[in-house]
Structures are given as C-alpha cells and as structure tokens.
Amino acid sequence: MNHCELEEVTQHINNKISMIKRLLELRAVAKDPDKRGTLLKIEQEVSAINQLLDRFERYVGEQRGLLKHLKDLEGFFQEDEQDALHLKNNIPPHMPKRGQQASLQGGGQVAVQSRQADAAPAPQEQGPPRKSQRNQIKEMEFVTVPEFDSIPPYMKGRVMYDQLNAAVQSINTAVSSKYKILHQPVKTLNNVSRTLHQRFKDQETKDTKGQFFIVEQDIREFAQLKVDKRFVGMLNMLRHCQRLREVRGGGLTRFILL
C-alpha cells in the first residue's frame, strides 16, 4: 500500500468518525420512535468501520510478511553474487573456455581413457619405492562434462560445471597443504606445523591407512572456504562422480580421495 492509498483510507475513516459524532449528538431523539432509524444507522456505521479496520490490519500483516520474504531473497541473491564474483576472479587455468565444452563432450570419454592409460603403472624392477614416490601427493581429477551431465538434477541444483571443478581445486589445495606437512620430518617443523602434524596423525584410522583424506577443518583452514550446505551438496556430487568417499568415526567425517 503506497502513501496515497494510506491517506485515502485515513480520510475515509475520519469521515465515518465525523458522521458518528454528528449522529451521537442527536441521541436525544432516541426516545422518539420515529428516530430509531437513526440509531440503527449509527450501529451499521460502527460495524462497517470495525470490519474495515480488521481488513486493514490483515493487509498490513500480509505486507510485512512479504517484505521479510523479499529481504531474505535479497540476502540469498547477494550471497550468490559474491560466490560468482569469487569464481570469476579465481578461475583455475585448467578450466575450459567458452566454446570448448562441445569438444569436451565429444572427447570426454577419450580424455578419461587417456588419463587411465597414462596412469597405468609401467613395469619396474622389484625393490623398495623411492623417496620421491612415497612423498607424491595424490590429486582429485577434475569432473568432465559428460560426468557433470550425469549428475541428477535434484542433486545438482543451481551448481554450475565451473563451480564444481572450483571445489575440486579447493579440495586439492587442502590435500596438498596437509600432506606437505605430513611428509616433512617432525623435527624440522615449527610449533604450529608440529601441532597440525599431530592432529593429522590422530585423525587417521585403519580405514584411512595408505589413503589421502581431509576433514572439514582442513577445507576451512587451507582452502579458506566455509563448509556450508552448498559446499556439502558439491561434495555429494563428487561422491556421485566417484571422486571421493566418506568415512565417519570419532565425531569426524573423513573425505577420502579415490
């Protein structure tokens, strides 16, 4: 309701009140049977004003609820805008440019097979692994366009292809930061890194032996991201794409890279 409409309603109510006052001044005529019609008219006017006020209060309440809903939507839009700006200013160099997705769709399967062929271990002489091999840090592979298209719409929501792979990059950053500390001799670490090293060791279980994993705290600290409902949804999508699996225990959820 705008200002003009509010003034009109106020003027209408004031007119009704003035009429009632004038009618009340004639209350002396109430004893006159011929004037009882006037009293009935007063009663009708009062009843009409009460109904009008009730409708007015309900309308104001509805407008307040609508205003609150619009403010909530504005907050959601601002959060999405901030996420979009962050992604725009932090596009990983590996991400495909516009116009390249069609070629990715046609060659996605070939790319997967190529990576599998490249990852196939070459025959080597038997013997203990070299130190460089032991210290190699695993990385999560980026999601291909065909894999992204295979994610159910209810799971995907409004998350875009680039946003999901940006989450992959953030996870790789957290994994790399964690295992760089773990691969260093404890005696070479400062006090902060030594505390982190011990925390990482305490989080290991028999299910994580020989695996690369992180927890929510690692994502917050090393990738500088908040693990909100949106990010948890992207973790579920990565689990659907067989990029990770979850192991729970001791009050922690461990995300193991596959």
C-alpha atoms as a PDB file:
ATOM      1  CA  MET A   1       0.000   0.000   0.000  1.00  0.00           C
ATOM      2  CA  ASN A   2       1.527   3.320  -1.061  1.00  0.00           C
ATOM      3  CA  HIS A   3       1.303   6.692   0.658  1.00  0.00           C
ATOM      4  CA  CYS A   4      -1.662   7.966  -1.392  1.00  0.00           C
ATOM      5  CA  GLU A   5      -3.735   4.865  -0.711  1.00  0.00           C
ATOM      6  CA  LEU A   6      -2.991   5.142   3.003  1.00  0.00           C
ATOM      7  CA  GLU A   7      -4.170   8.771   3.023  1.00  0.00           C
ATOM      8  CA  GLU A   8      -7.401   7.788   1.272  1.00  0.00           C
ATOM      9  CA  VAL A   9      -8.125   5.075   3.852  1.00  0.00           C
ATOM     10  CA  THR A  10      -7.368   7.502   6.690  1.00  0.00           C
ATOM     11  CA  GLN A  11      -9.666  10.151   5.208  1.00  0.00           C
ATOM     12  CA  HIS A  12     -12.439   7.595   4.773  1.00  0.00           C
ATOM     13  CA  ILE A  13     -12.169   6.530   8.416  1.00  0.00           C
ATOM     14  CA  ASN A  14     -12.134  10.156   9.612  1.00  0.00           C
ATOM     15  CA  ASN A  15     -15.279  10.851   7.599  1.00  0.00           C
ATOM     16  CA  LYS A  16     -17.008   7.891   9.206  1.00  0.00           C
ATOM     17  CA  ILE A  17     -15.997   9.061  12.670  1.00  0.00           C
ATOM     18  CA  SER A  18     -17.299  12.572  11.978  1.00  0.00           C
ATOM     19  CA  MET A  19     -20.602  11.168  10.859  1.00  0.00           C
ATOM     20  CA  ILE A  20     -20.877   9.078  14.018  1.00  0.00           C
ATOM     21  CA  LYS A  21     -20.174  12.132  16.174  1.00  0.00           C
ATOM     22  CA  ARG A  22     -22.925  14.057  14.472  1.00  0.00           C
ATOM     23  CA  LEU A  23     -25.318  11.192  14.898  1.00  0.00           C
ATOM     24  CA  LEU A  24     -24.453  10.856  18.579  1.00  0.00           C
ATOM     25  CA  GLU A  25     -25.314  14.496  19.100  1.00  0.00           C
ATOM     26  CA  LEU A  26     -28.809  13.558  18.112  1.00  0.00           C
ATOM     27  CA  ARG A  27     -29.073  10.835  20.760  1.00  0.00           C
ATOM     28  CA  ALA A  28     -31.752  12.825  22.497  1.00  0.00           C
ATOM     29  CA  VAL A  29     -34.074  11.901  19.732  1.00  0.00           C
ATOM     30  CA  ALA A  30     -33.629   8.210  20.538  1.00  0.00           C
ATOM     31  CA  LYS A  31     -36.765   8.271  22.660  1.00  0.00           C
ATOM     32  CA  ASP A  32     -38.706   9.227  19.641  1.00  0.00           C
ATOM     33  CA  PRO A  33     -39.896   6.031  17.909  1.00  0.00           C
ATOM     34  CA  ASP A  34     -39.686   7.834  14.615  1.00  0.00           C
ATOM     35  CA  LYS A  35     -35.958   8.494  15.140  1.00  0.00           C
ATOM     36  CA  ARG A  36     -34.918   4.953  15.974  1.00  0.00           C
ATOM     37  CA  GLY A  37     -33.877   4.504  12.366  1.00  0.00           C
ATOM     38  CA  THR A  38     -31.080   6.977  13.064  1.00  0.00           C
ATOM     39  CA  LEU A  39     -29.720   4.806  15.857  1.00  0.00           C
ATOM     40  CA  LEU A  40     -29.790   1.757  13.627  1.00  0.00           C
ATOM     41  CA  LYS A  41     -27.786   3.670  11.057  1.00  0.00           C
ATOM     42  CA  ILE A  42     -25.185   4.531  13.710  1.00  0.00           C
ATOM     43  CA  GLU A  43     -24.876   0.879  14.622  1.00  0.00           C
ATOM     44  CA  GLN A  44     -24.379  -0.062  10.995  1.00  0.00           C
ATOM     45  CA  GLU A  45     -21.705   2.603  10.516  1.00  0.00           C
ATOM     46  CA  VAL A  46     -19.776   1.434  13.600  1.00  0.00           C
ATOM     47  CA  SER A  47     -19.926  -2.157  12.422  1.00  0.00           C
ATOM     48  CA  ALA A  48     -18.673  -1.134   8.969  1.00  0.00           C
ATOM     49  CA  ILE A  49     -15.716   0.750  10.494  1.00  0.00           C
ATOM     50  CA  ASN A  50     -14.757  -2.246  12.631  1.00  0.00           C
ATOM     51  CA  GLN A  51     -14.785  -4.522   9.589  1.00  0.00           C
ATOM     52  CA  LEU A  52     -12.722  -2.019   7.636  1.00  0.00           C
ATOM     53  CA  LEU A  53     -10.143  -1.794  10.417  1.00  0.00           C
ATOM     54  CA  ASP A  54      -9.915  -5.593  10.619  1.00  0.00           C
ATOM     55  CA  ARG A  55      -9.271  -5.805   6.879  1.00  0.00           C
ATOM     56  CA  PHE A  56      -6.701  -3.026   7.127  1.00  0.00           C
ATOM     57  CA  GLU A  57      -4.790  -4.821   9.927  1.00  0.00           C
ATOM     58  CA  ARG A  58      -4.759  -8.086   7.971  1.00  0.00           C
ATOM     59  CA  TYR A  59      -3.445  -6.311   4.886  1.00  0.00           C
ATOM     60  CA  VAL A  60      -0.658  -4.624   6.859  1.00  0.00           C
ATOM     61  CA  GLY A  61       0.342  -8.000   8.318  1.00  0.00           C
ATOM     62  CA  GLU A  62       0.480  -9.547   4.857  1.00  0.00           C
ATOM     63  CA  GLN A  63       2.659  -6.705   3.577  1.00  0.00           C
ATOM     64  CA  ARG A  64       5.066  -7.103   6.496  1.00  0.00           C
ATOM     65  CA  GLY A  65       5.408 -10.828   5.761  1.00  0.00           C
ATOM     66  CA  LEU A  66       6.031 -10.093   2.084  1.00  0.00           C
ATOM     67  CA  LEU A  67       8.678  -7.512   2.962  1.00  0.00           C
ATOM     68  CA  LYS A  68      10.509 -10.021   5.197  1.00  0.00           C
ATOM     69  CA  HIS A  69      10.411 -12.609   2.409  1.00  0.00           C
ATOM     70  CA  LEU A  70      11.856 -10.096  -0.078  1.00  0.00           C
ATOM     71  CA  LYS A  71      14.667  -9.211   2.325  1.00  0.00           C
ATOM     72  CA  ASP A  72      15.536 -12.908   2.695  1.00  0.00           C
ATOM     73  CA  LEU A  73      15.627 -13.280  -1.090  1.00  0.00           C
ATOM     74  CA  GLU A  74      17.874 -10.230  -1.340  1.00  0.00           C
ATOM     75  CA  GLY A  75      20.315 -11.867   1.085  1.00  0.00           C
ATOM     76  CA  PHE A  76      20.377 -15.082  -0.966  1.00  0.00           C
ATOM     77  CA  PHE A  77      20.984 -13.135  -4.187  1.00  0.00           C
ATOM     78  CA  GLN A  78      23.831 -11.180  -2.604  1.00  0.00           C
ATOM     79  CA  GLU A  79      25.464 -14.409  -1.416  1.00  0.00           C
ATOM     80  CA  ASP A  80      25.190 -15.927  -4.908  1.00  0.00           C
ATOM     81  CA  GLU A  81      26.616 -12.735  -6.415  1.00  0.00           C
ATOM     82  CA  GLN A  82      29.607 -12.868  -4.065  1.00  0.00           C
ATOM     83  CA  ASP A  83      30.218 -16.518  -4.943  1.00  0.00           C
ATOM     84  CA  ALA A  84      30.021 -15.710  -8.652  1.00  0.00           C
ATOM     85  CA  LEU A  85      32.481 -12.822  -8.313  1.00  0.00           C
ATOM     86  CA  HIS A  86      34.862 -15.018  -6.344  1.00  0.00           C
ATOM     87  CA  LEU A  87      34.729 -17.693  -9.042  1.00  0.00           C
ATOM     88  CA  LYS A  88      35.144 -15.096 -11.781  1.00  0.00           C
ATOM     89  CA  ASN A  89      38.260 -13.664 -10.136  1.00  0.00           C
ATOM     90  CA  ASN A  90      39.733 -17.070  -9.296  1.00  0.00           C
ATOM     91  CA  ILE A  91      39.229 -19.136 -12.465  1.00  0.00           C
ATOM     92  CA  PRO A  92      41.739 -22.021 -12.463  1.00  0.00           C
ATOM     93  CA  PRO A  93      43.946 -22.116 -15.565  1.00  0.00           C
ATOM     94  CA  HIS A  94      42.828 -25.663 -16.420  1.00  0.00           C
ATOM     95  CA  MET A  95      39.155 -24.741 -16.818  1.00  0.00           C
ATOM     96  CA  PRO A  96      37.806 -24.924 -20.395  1.00  0.00           C
ATOM     97  CA  LYS A  97      36.952 -21.647 -22.079  1.00  0.00           C
ATOM     98  CA  ARG A  98      33.575 -20.853 -23.573  1.00  0.00           C
ATOM     99  CA  GLY A  99      33.210 -22.714 -26.840  1.00  0.00           C
ATOM    100  CA  GLN A 100      35.432 -25.570 -25.739  1.00  0.00           C
ATOM    101  CA  GLN A 101      32.742 -27.543 -23.908  1.00  0.00           C
ATOM    102  CA  ALA A 102      31.408 -29.048 -27.146  1.00  0.00           C
ATOM    103  CA  SER A 103      34.804 -30.543 -27.876  1.00  0.00           C
ATOM    104  CA  LEU A 104      34.971 -31.763 -24.299  1.00  0.00           C
ATOM    105  CA  GLN A 105      31.619 -33.507 -24.667  1.00  0.00           C
ATOM    106  CA  GLY A 106      32.820 -35.340 -27.740  1.00  0.00           C
ATOM    107  CA  GLY A 107      36.213 -36.146 -26.317  1.00  0.00           C
ATOM    108  CA  GLY A 108      35.377 -36.586 -22.652  1.00  0.00           C
ATOM    109  CA  GLN A 109      35.488 -40.375 -22.795  1.00  0.00           C
ATOM    110  CA  VAL A 110      38.719 -40.292 -24.774  1.00  0.00           C
ATOM    111  CA  ALA A 111      40.222 -37.992 -22.163  1.00  0.00           C
ATOM    112  CA  VAL A 112      39.224 -40.387 -19.383  1.00  0.00           C
ATOM    113  CA  GLN A 113      40.735 -43.331 -21.254  1.00  0.00           C
ATOM    114  CA  SER A 114      43.859 -41.306 -21.938  1.00  0.00           C
ATOM    115  CA  ARG A 115      44.253 -40.495 -18.255  1.00  0.00           C
ATOM    116  CA  GLN A 116      43.737 -44.133 -17.366  1.00  0.00           C
ATOM    117  CA  ALA A 117      46.367 -45.159 -19.908  1.00  0.00           C
ATOM    118  CA  ASP A 118      48.775 -42.547 -18.577  1.00  0.00           C
ATOM    119  CA  ALA A 119      48.109 -43.697 -15.034  1.00  0.00           C
ATOM    120  CA  ALA A 120      48.805 -47.363 -15.871  1.00  0.00           C
ATOM    121  CA  PRO A 121      51.954 -48.378 -13.988  1.00  0.00           C
ATOM    122  CA  ALA A 122      54.910 -49.228 -16.190  1.00  0.00           C
ATOM    123  CA  PRO A 123      56.856 -52.405 -15.414  1.00  0.00           C
ATOM    124  CA  GLN A 124      59.574 -51.694 -12.899  1.00  0.00           C
ATOM    125  CA  GLU A 125      62.235 -53.652 -11.201  1.00  0.00           C
ATOM    126  CA  GLN A 126      61.288 -55.017  -7.822  1.00  0.00           C
ATOM    127  CA  GLY A 127      62.573 -53.065  -4.895  1.00  0.00           C
ATOM    128  CA  PRO A 128      61.589 -50.514  -2.262  1.00  0.00           C
ATOM    129  CA  PRO A 129      59.856 -47.349  -3.563  1.00  0.00           C
ATOM    130  CA  ARG A 130      61.979 -44.281  -3.959  1.00  0.00           C
ATOM    131  CA  LYS A 131      61.526 -41.409  -1.523  1.00  0.00           C
ATOM    132  CA  SER A 132      60.045 -39.171  -4.245  1.00  0.00           C
ATOM    133  CA  GLN A 133      57.362 -41.799  -4.896  1.00  0.00           C
ATOM    134  CA  ARG A 134      56.497 -42.100  -1.232  1.00  0.00           C
ATOM    135  CA  ASN A 135      56.109 -38.323  -0.930  1.00  0.00           C
ATOM    136  CA  GLN A 136      53.969 -37.917  -4.036  1.00  0.00           C
ATOM    137  CA  ILE A 137      50.653 -36.265  -3.122  1.00  0.00           C
ATOM    138  CA  LYS A 138      47.502 -37.513  -4.799  1.00  0.00           C
ATOM    139  CA  GLU A 139      45.166 -35.064  -6.523  1.00  0.00           C
ATOM    140  CA  MET A 140      41.486 -35.382  -7.315  1.00  0.00           C
ATOM    141  CA  GLU A 141      40.781 -35.460 -11.044  1.00  0.00           C
ATOM    142  CA  PHE A 142      38.540 -32.754 -12.417  1.00  0.00           C
ATOM    143  CA  VAL A 143      34.981 -33.631 -13.410  1.00  0.00           C
ATOM    144  CA  THR A 144      34.400 -33.979 -17.146  1.00  0.00           C
ATOM    145  CA  VAL A 145      31.388 -32.505 -18.929  1.00  0.00           C
ATOM    146  CA  PRO A 146      29.753 -35.926 -19.518  1.00  0.00           C
ATOM    147  CA  GLU A 147      30.191 -36.772 -15.842  1.00  0.00           C
ATOM    148  CA  PHE A 148      28.653 -33.451 -14.824  1.00  0.00           C
ATOM    149  CA  ASP A 149      25.693 -34.056 -17.143  1.00  0.00           C
ATOM    150  CA  SER A 150      25.137 -37.465 -15.498  1.00  0.00           C
ATOM    151  CA  ILE A 151      24.515 -35.884 -12.068  1.00  0.00           C
ATOM    152  CA  PRO A 152      20.769 -35.961 -11.205  1.00  0.00           C
ATOM    153  CA  PRO A 153      19.133 -32.510 -11.374  1.00  0.00           C
ATOM    154  CA  TYR A 154      17.861 -32.755  -7.773  1.00  0.00           C
ATOM    155  CA  MET A 155      21.469 -33.189  -6.623  1.00  0.00           C
ATOM    156  CA  LYS A 156      22.945 -30.616  -8.995  1.00  0.00           C
ATOM    157  CA  GLY A 157      20.566 -27.775  -8.137  1.00  0.00           C
ATOM    158  CA  ARG A 158      21.965 -24.436  -9.351  1.00  0.00           C
ATOM    159  CA  VAL A 159      25.619 -25.510  -9.207  1.00  0.00           C
ATOM    160  CA  MET A 160      27.422 -24.926 -12.497  1.00  0.00           C
ATOM    161  CA  TYR A 161      30.156 -27.041 -14.091  1.00  0.00           C
ATOM    162  CA  ASP A 162      32.884 -24.475 -13.366  1.00  0.00           C
ATOM    163  CA  GLN A 163      31.773 -24.147  -9.747  1.00  0.00           C
ATOM    164  CA  LEU A 164      32.027 -27.893  -9.149  1.00  0.00           C
ATOM    165  CA  ASN A 165      35.544 -28.048 -10.566  1.00  0.00           C
ATOM    166  CA  ALA A 166      36.477 -24.993  -8.485  1.00  0.00           C
ATOM    167  CA  ALA A 167      35.500 -27.097  -5.456  1.00  0.00           C
ATOM    168  CA  VAL A 168      37.784 -29.863  -6.775  1.00  0.00           C
ATOM    169  CA  GLN A 169      40.633 -27.329  -6.964  1.00  0.00           C
ATOM    170  CA  SER A 170      39.961 -26.220  -3.376  1.00  0.00           C
ATOM    171  CA  ILE A 171      39.989 -29.824  -2.157  1.00  0.00           C
ATOM    172  CA  ASN A 172      43.300 -30.441  -3.928  1.00  0.00           C
ATOM    173  CA  THR A 173      44.716 -27.331  -2.260  1.00  0.00           C
ATOM    174  CA  ALA A 174      43.688 -28.624   1.169  1.00  0.00           C
ATOM    175  CA  VAL A 175      45.083 -32.123   0.465  1.00  0.00           C
ATOM    176  CA  SER A 176      48.374 -30.713  -0.798  1.00  0.00           C
ATOM    177  CA  SER A 177      48.790 -28.398   2.203  1.00  0.00           C
ATOM    178  CA  LYS A 178      48.046 -31.198   4.657  1.00  0.00           C
ATOM    179  CA  TYR A 179      50.353 -33.845   3.197  1.00  0.00           C
ATOM    180  CA  LYS A 180      53.233 -31.450   2.634  1.00  0.00           C
ATOM    181  CA  ILE A 181      53.298 -31.130   6.408  1.00  0.00           C
ATOM    182  CA  LEU A 182      52.903 -34.876   6.965  1.00  0.00           C
ATOM    183  CA  HIS A 183      55.770 -35.695   4.588  1.00  0.00           C
ATOM    184  CA  GLN A 184      58.241 -33.480   6.440  1.00  0.00           C
ATOM    185  CA  PRO A 185      60.309 -34.795   9.345  1.00  0.00           C
ATOM    186  CA  VAL A 186      58.720 -33.715  12.605  1.00  0.00           C
ATOM    187  CA  LYS A 187      61.976 -32.251  13.918  1.00  0.00           C
ATOM    188  CA  THR A 188      62.082 -29.763  11.015  1.00  0.00           C
ATOM    189  CA  LEU A 189      58.604 -28.362  11.744  1.00  0.00           C
ATOM    190  CA  ASN A 190      57.818 -25.259  13.754  1.00  0.00           C
ATOM    191  CA  ASN A 191      55.400 -25.378  16.669  1.00  0.00           C
ATOM    192  CA  VAL A 192      52.292 -24.611  14.584  1.00  0.00           C
ATOM    193  CA  SER A 193      53.087 -27.198  11.910  1.00  0.00           C
ATOM    194  CA  ARG A 194      54.041 -29.738  14.558  1.00  0.00           C
ATOM    195  CA  THR A 195      50.618 -29.306  16.191  1.00  0.00           C
ATOM    196  CA  LEU A 196      48.946 -29.799  12.809  1.00  0.00           C
ATOM    197  CA  HIS A 197      51.101 -32.859  12.153  1.00  0.00           C
ATOM    198  CA  GLN A 198      49.938 -34.450  15.391  1.00  0.00           C
ATOM    199  CA  ARG A 199      46.297 -33.585  14.619  1.00  0.00           C
ATOM    200  CA  PHE A 200      46.551 -35.261  11.229  1.00  0.00           C
ATOM    201  CA  LYS A 201      48.014 -38.382  12.813  1.00  0.00           C
ATOM    202  CA  ASP A 202      45.285 -38.503  15.460  1.00  0.00           C
ATOM    203  CA  GLN A 203      42.619 -38.403  12.727  1.00  0.00           C
ATOM    204  CA  GLU A 204      43.979 -41.480  10.942  1.00  0.00           C
ATOM    205  CA  THR A 205      42.190 -44.815  11.318  1.00  0.00           C
ATOM    206  CA  LYS A 206      42.604 -48.304   9.924  1.00  0.00           C
ATOM    207  CA  ASP A 207      40.168 -47.322   7.136  1.00  0.00           C
ATOM    208  CA  THR A 208      42.383 -44.414   6.053  1.00  0.00           C
ATOM    209  CA  LYS A 209      45.696 -46.292   6.082  1.00  0.00           C
ATOM    210  CA  GLY A 210      47.509 -45.629   2.821  1.00  0.00           C
ATOM    211  CA  GLN A 211      44.784 -43.213   1.681  1.00  0.00           C
ATOM    212  CA  PHE A 212      44.744 -39.455   1.143  1.00  0.00           C
ATOM    213  CA  PHE A 213      41.929 -37.788   3.067  1.00  0.00           C
ATOM    214  CA  ILE A 214      40.862 -34.473   4.583  1.00  0.00           C
ATOM    215  CA  VAL A 215      38.194 -33.290   7.014  1.00  0.00           C
ATOM    216  CA  GLU A 216      36.023 -30.174   7.076  1.00  0.00           C
ATOM    217  CA  GLN A 217      38.524 -28.313   9.263  1.00  0.00           C
ATOM    218  CA  ASP A 218      41.229 -28.810   6.622  1.00  0.00           C
ATOM    219  CA  ILE A 219      38.972 -27.284   3.949  1.00  0.00           C
ATOM    220  CA  ARG A 220      38.249 -24.266   6.126  1.00  0.00           C
ATOM    221  CA  GLU A 221      41.871 -23.685   7.124  1.00  0.00           C
ATOM    222  CA  PHE A 222      43.795 -24.496   3.937  1.00  0.00           C
ATOM    223  CA  ALA A 223      41.259 -23.635   1.204  1.00  0.00           C
ATOM    224  CA  GLN A 224      39.724 -20.681   3.096  1.00  0.00           C
ATOM    225  CA  LEU A 225      36.191 -21.934   2.372  1.00  0.00           C
ATOM    226  CA  LYS A 226      33.133 -22.284   4.567  1.00  0.00           C
ATOM    227  CA  VAL A 227      31.659 -25.779   4.518  1.00  0.00           C
ATOM    228  CA  ASP A 228      28.024 -24.702   4.199  1.00  0.00           C
ATOM    229  CA  LYS A 229      25.008 -26.531   2.764  1.00  0.00           C
ATOM    230  CA  ARG A 230      26.005 -25.521  -0.772  1.00  0.00           C
ATOM    231  CA  PHE A 231      29.531 -26.950  -0.436  1.00  0.00           C
ATOM    232  CA  VAL A 232      28.240 -30.135   1.200  1.00  0.00           C
ATOM    233  CA  GLY A 233      25.980 -30.543  -1.835  1.00  0.00           C
ATOM    234  CA  MET A 234      29.021 -30.312  -4.106  1.00  0.00           C
ATOM    235  CA  LEU A 235      30.777 -32.962  -2.003  1.00  0.00           C
ATOM    236  CA  ASN A 236      27.786 -35.239  -2.611  1.00  0.00           C
ATOM    237  CA  MET A 237      28.106 -34.613  -6.352  1.00  0.00           C
ATOM    238  CA  LEU A 238      31.800 -35.505  -6.242  1.00  0.00           C
ATOM    239  CA  ARG A 239      30.922 -38.680  -4.397  1.00  0.00           C
ATOM    240  CA  HIS A 240      28.385 -39.445  -7.150  1.00  0.00           C
ATOM    241  CA  CYS A 241      31.178 -38.938  -9.723  1.00  0.00           C
ATOM    242  CA  GLN A 242      33.382 -41.361  -7.726  1.00  0.00           C
ATOM    243  CA  ARG A 243      35.940 -38.740  -6.801  1.00  0.00           C
ATOM    244  CA  LEU A 244      35.737 -39.374  -3.063  1.00  0.00           C
ATOM    245  CA  ARG A 245      34.093 -41.455  -0.391  1.00  0.00           C
ATOM    246  CA  GLU A 246      33.223 -40.704   3.224  1.00  0.00           C
ATOM    247  CA  VAL A 247      34.372 -42.488   6.361  1.00  0.00           C
ATOM    248  CA  ARG A 248      32.778 -41.430   9.639  1.00  0.00           C
ATOM    249  CA  GLY A 249      34.001 -42.061  13.128  1.00  0.00           C
ATOM    250  CA  GLY A 250      35.085 -40.265  16.283  1.00  0.00           C
ATOM    251  CA  GLY A 251      32.845 -37.295  15.510  1.00  0.00           C
ATOM    252  CA  LEU A 252      34.618 -36.636  12.187  1.00  0.00           C
ATOM    253  CA  THR A 253      33.726 -37.144   8.547  1.00  0.00           C
ATOM    254  CA  ARG A 254      36.802 -38.055   6.523  1.00  0.00           C
ATOM    255  CA  PHE A 255      36.722 -37.414   2.765  1.00  0.00           C
ATOM    256  CA  ILE A 256      38.979 -39.969   1.101  1.00  0.00           C
ATOM    257  CA  LEU A 257      40.187 -39.315  -2.437  1.00  0.00           C
ATOM    258  CA  LEU A 258      39.531 -42.138  -4.921  1.00  0.00           C
END
